[in-house]
Amino acid sequence: MFTGIIETVGVIRQTRPGGNQMRLAINLNRIADGTNLGDSIAVNGVCLTVCQLNGTIAEFDVSTETVHKTTLISLKSSSPVNLERAMSVQGRFGGHIVQGHVDGLGKITAIRKQAEFAEFRFEVPKELIAQIVLKGSVAVDGISVTVAKLDATAFEVAVIPTTLKETTWHQAKVGDAVNIETDILVKITQRQLAAMLPESKGLTIEQLREHGF
């Protein structure tokens, strides 16, 4: 499990495609110290397992599904990536529950700079919009952000200077694709309600009371 608080920006050293799979070699920089084989690291929000380690360079195998459903396939040598190690038991819970399981891709459609701050707008598929709530949390490229604005096709977030400086977003551009993971708590609630209620009927006070709300 992760929290969406990026520890460092790593750099892709090598990408090796292999059919529908690939292998990534990444310079972990300062988080290499204490990293071991088998550890989980979120790379741009995608949970990957360290399968080889040589100094600060870690290698990761990327499965077919991950190649097809995330932005990792577009990475090239020297590409920067957001990195976060799995949360330790004694660690602080700084963001929100992030699994590293990407739900889909979004696209940056606007970046508005305001002094050292910025507002980002992300367009996402409608099935993901249904899992996003105003003032709720979303992981975008592994970064835990709070939804400031929400409409039928997109959401917006306000980005503080520290986040811009310490993540890949300081060089983000309009049109860039991003990995989106919606809040697991919203997904669980949505699924439970869908299982309880027939599609043809709306939600009533009686049904909520019946199920303990």
Protein backbone atom coordinates (compact mmCIF):
# COMPACT_ATOMS: atom_id res chain seq x y z
CA MET A 1 0.00 0.00 0.00
CA PHE A 2 1.12 3.55 -0.76
CA THR A 3 -0.04 7.00 0.32
CA GLY A 4 0.53 9.15 -2.76
CA ILE A 5 3.36 11.17 -1.21
CA ILE A 6 6.21 11.05 -3.73
CA GLU A 7 9.61 10.37 -2.17
CA THR A 8 11.81 11.20 -5.13
CA VAL A 9 11.86 11.56 -8.90
CA GLY A 10 13.81 8.74 -10.50
CA VAL A 11 15.17 8.48 -14.02
CA ILE A 12 14.60 5.70 -16.53
CA ARG A 13 17.96 4.19 -17.47
CA GLN A 14 16.67 1.60 -19.90
CA THR A 15 13.46 0.13 -21.29
CA ARG A 16 13.42 -3.34 -22.78
CA PRO A 17 10.19 -4.31 -24.54
CA GLY A 18 9.49 -8.04 -24.80
CA GLY A 19 6.36 -8.79 -26.80
CA ASN A 20 3.47 -7.53 -24.69
CA GLN A 21 5.67 -7.19 -21.62
CA MET A 22 8.60 -4.94 -20.79
CA ARG A 23 11.40 -4.44 -18.29
CA LEU A 24 12.33 -1.08 -16.81
CA ALA A 25 15.67 -0.12 -15.29
CA ILE A 26 15.31 2.93 -13.05
CA ASN A 27 17.78 4.98 -11.05
CA LEU A 28 16.12 5.14 -7.63
CA ASN A 29 18.38 7.94 -6.41
CA ARG A 30 18.13 8.47 -2.66
CA ILE A 31 15.50 5.78 -1.99
CA ALA A 32 17.86 3.04 -3.18
CA ASP A 33 19.31 2.87 0.32
CA GLY A 34 17.20 0.32 2.20
CA THR A 35 15.47 -1.00 -0.93
CA ASN A 36 15.66 -4.79 -1.36
CA LEU A 37 14.76 -7.40 -3.94
CA GLY A 38 11.03 -8.08 -3.88
CA ASP A 39 10.12 -4.64 -2.55
CA SER A 40 7.12 -2.83 -4.00
CA ILE A 41 7.66 0.62 -5.49
CA ALA A 42 5.05 2.80 -7.16
CA VAL A 43 6.39 4.11 -10.48
CA ASN A 44 4.16 6.95 -11.70
CA GLY A 45 1.48 5.37 -9.55
CA VAL A 46 1.96 1.81 -10.81
CA CYS A 47 2.91 -0.80 -8.22
CA LEU A 48 5.97 -2.71 -9.47
CA THR A 49 8.26 -5.26 -7.81
CA VAL A 50 12.04 -4.93 -7.68
CA CYS A 51 13.38 -7.99 -9.51
CA GLN A 52 17.02 -6.94 -9.81
CA LEU A 53 19.12 -4.43 -7.93
CA ASN A 54 22.58 -3.08 -8.72
CA GLY A 55 23.59 -0.08 -6.65
CA THR A 56 20.97 2.61 -7.19
CA ILE A 57 19.62 0.93 -10.34
CA ALA A 58 16.54 -1.25 -9.87
CA GLU A 59 14.87 -3.35 -12.55
CA PHE A 60 11.17 -4.13 -12.77
CA ASP A 61 9.17 -6.52 -14.94
CA VAL A 62 5.96 -5.00 -16.34
CA SER A 63 3.07 -7.33 -17.16
CA THR A 64 0.91 -7.30 -20.30
CA GLU A 65 -2.08 -5.74 -18.53
CA THR A 66 0.06 -3.00 -17.02
CA VAL A 67 1.64 -2.24 -20.40
CA HIS A 68 -1.80 -1.84 -21.98
CA LYS A 69 -3.52 0.07 -19.16
CA THR A 70 -0.89 2.57 -18.03
CA THR A 71 1.48 5.18 -19.43
CA LEU A 72 4.58 3.08 -18.69
CA ILE A 73 4.79 1.91 -22.32
CA SER A 74 5.58 5.50 -23.36
CA LEU A 75 8.61 5.82 -21.07
CA LYS A 76 12.01 6.27 -22.67
CA SER A 77 15.59 6.39 -21.47
CA SER A 78 16.06 9.55 -19.34
CA SER A 79 12.30 9.93 -18.68
CA PRO A 80 11.63 11.15 -15.12
CA VAL A 81 9.23 9.11 -12.96
CA ASN A 82 7.55 9.63 -9.60
CA LEU A 83 8.69 7.04 -7.05
CA GLU A 84 7.21 5.97 -3.72
CA ARG A 85 8.15 2.93 -1.68
CA ALA A 86 5.40 0.88 -0.05
CA MET A 87 4.38 2.35 3.29
CA SER A 88 6.13 0.91 6.34
CA VAL A 89 4.15 -0.05 9.44
CA GLN A 90 5.73 2.79 11.41
CA GLY A 91 5.37 5.32 8.59
CA ARG A 92 3.14 8.39 8.54
CA PHE A 93 -0.06 8.30 6.53
CA GLY A 94 0.45 11.55 4.66
CA GLY A 95 -1.90 11.19 1.69
CA HIS A 96 -4.66 8.62 1.19
CA ILE A 97 -4.91 4.86 0.55
CA VAL A 98 -3.21 4.21 -2.80
CA GLN A 99 -2.93 0.63 -4.06
CA GLY A 100 -0.83 1.23 -7.14
CA HIS A 101 -3.54 -0.36 -9.29
CA VAL A 102 -4.28 2.09 -12.10
CA ASP A 103 -7.96 2.35 -13.06
CA GLY A 104 -7.46 4.15 -16.35
CA LEU A 105 -5.76 6.95 -18.22
CA GLY A 106 -6.49 10.63 -18.09
CA LYS A 107 -5.16 13.62 -20.02
CA ILE A 108 -3.97 17.03 -18.89
CA THR A 109 -6.20 19.55 -20.64
CA ALA A 110 -5.17 22.73 -18.83
CA ILE A 111 -2.36 24.04 -16.63
CA ARG A 112 -2.88 27.45 -15.09
CA LYS A 113 0.13 28.88 -13.25
CA GLN A 114 -0.48 31.26 -10.35
CA ALA A 115 2.87 32.49 -9.07
CA GLU A 116 4.48 29.34 -7.62
CA PHE A 117 1.16 27.48 -7.51
CA ALA A 118 -0.73 25.82 -10.35
CA GLU A 119 -4.14 24.43 -11.22
CA PHE A 120 -4.30 21.27 -13.32
CA ARG A 121 -7.35 20.01 -15.20
CA PHE A 122 -7.59 16.31 -16.08
CA GLU A 123 -10.04 14.81 -18.55
CA VAL A 124 -10.94 11.21 -17.67
CA PRO A 125 -13.34 8.50 -18.93
CA LYS A 126 -16.91 8.78 -17.63
CA GLU A 127 -16.65 5.52 -15.69
CA LEU A 128 -13.87 7.08 -13.63
CA ILE A 129 -15.72 10.36 -13.12
CA ALA A 130 -18.41 8.30 -11.38
CA GLN A 131 -15.78 7.23 -8.83
CA ILE A 132 -14.51 10.75 -8.08
CA VAL A 133 -16.07 13.08 -5.51
CA LEU A 134 -15.61 16.78 -4.86
CA LYS A 135 -13.04 17.35 -2.07
CA GLY A 136 -12.17 13.65 -2.27
CA SER A 137 -8.79 12.13 -3.10
CA VAL A 138 -7.40 10.83 -6.39
CA ALA A 139 -3.94 9.51 -7.28
CA VAL A 140 -2.62 11.02 -10.51
CA ASP A 141 0.72 9.55 -11.64
CA GLY A 142 1.02 8.33 -8.06
CA ILE A 143 0.49 11.80 -6.53
CA SER A 144 -2.28 12.12 -3.94
CA VAL A 145 -4.36 15.18 -4.81
CA THR A 146 -7.64 16.67 -3.61
CA VAL A 147 -10.41 17.33 -6.12
CA ALA A 148 -11.14 21.07 -6.18
CA LYS A 149 -13.57 21.11 -9.12
CA LEU A 150 -15.55 18.37 -10.81
CA ASP A 151 -17.83 18.14 -13.83
CA ALA A 152 -19.15 15.46 -16.19
CA THR A 153 -15.86 14.90 -18.03
CA ALA A 154 -13.00 16.25 -15.92
CA PHE A 155 -11.70 17.28 -12.52
CA GLU A 156 -9.31 19.98 -11.35
CA VAL A 157 -6.75 20.12 -8.57
CA ALA A 158 -4.73 22.90 -6.97
CA VAL A 159 -1.02 22.04 -6.82
CA ILE A 160 1.25 23.57 -4.19
CA PRO A 161 4.85 24.64 -4.95
CA THR A 162 6.37 21.66 -3.09
CA THR A 163 4.43 19.18 -5.23
CA LEU A 164 5.43 20.96 -8.42
CA LYS A 165 9.08 20.98 -7.37
CA GLU A 166 9.32 17.44 -5.97
CA THR A 167 7.43 15.54 -8.70
CA THR A 168 7.43 15.24 -12.48
CA TRP A 169 4.72 17.88 -12.71
CA HIS A 170 7.19 20.76 -12.89
CA GLN A 171 7.69 19.75 -16.54
CA ALA A 172 4.17 18.51 -17.32
CA LYS A 173 2.48 19.72 -20.52
CA VAL A 174 -1.07 20.01 -21.78
CA GLY A 175 -1.86 16.83 -23.68
CA ASP A 176 0.24 14.55 -21.46
CA ALA A 177 -1.37 11.24 -20.53
CA VAL A 178 -1.51 10.38 -16.82
CA ASN A 179 -2.28 7.32 -14.70
CA ILE A 180 -5.47 7.64 -12.66
CA GLU A 181 -6.33 5.63 -9.55
CA THR A 182 -9.58 6.59 -7.86
CA ASP A 183 -10.17 6.29 -4.12
CA ILE A 184 -10.68 2.66 -3.05
CA LEU A 185 -13.24 3.77 -0.43
CA VAL A 186 -15.41 5.38 -3.12
CA LYS A 187 -15.12 2.26 -5.30
CA ILE A 188 -16.16 -0.02 -2.46
CA THR A 189 -19.16 2.16 -1.60
CA GLN A 190 -20.22 2.37 -5.25
CA ARG A 191 -20.01 -1.41 -5.67
CA GLN A 192 -21.94 -2.12 -2.49
CA LEU A 193 -24.75 0.25 -3.47
CA ALA A 194 -24.88 -1.24 -6.98
CA ALA A 195 -25.21 -4.73 -5.48
CA MET A 196 -27.97 -3.65 -3.10
CA LEU A 197 -30.11 -1.67 -5.52
CA PRO A 198 -31.81 -2.86 -8.72
CA GLU A 199 -30.71 -0.81 -11.72
CA SER A 200 -34.29 0.19 -12.51
CA LYS A 201 -34.96 1.67 -9.06
CA GLY A 202 -33.62 4.71 -7.31
CA LEU A 203 -32.18 4.99 -3.83
CA THR A 204 -34.76 5.53 -1.07
CA ILE A 205 -34.51 6.48 2.61
CA GLU A 206 -36.08 3.14 3.52
CA GLN A 207 -33.42 1.21 1.63
CA LEU A 208 -30.64 3.19 3.28
CA ARG A 209 -32.11 2.51 6.73
CA GLU A 210 -32.54 -1.16 5.87
CA HIS A 211 -28.83 -1.44 5.12
CA GLY A 212 -27.67 0.44 8.19
CA PHE A 213 -27.06 3.94 6.81
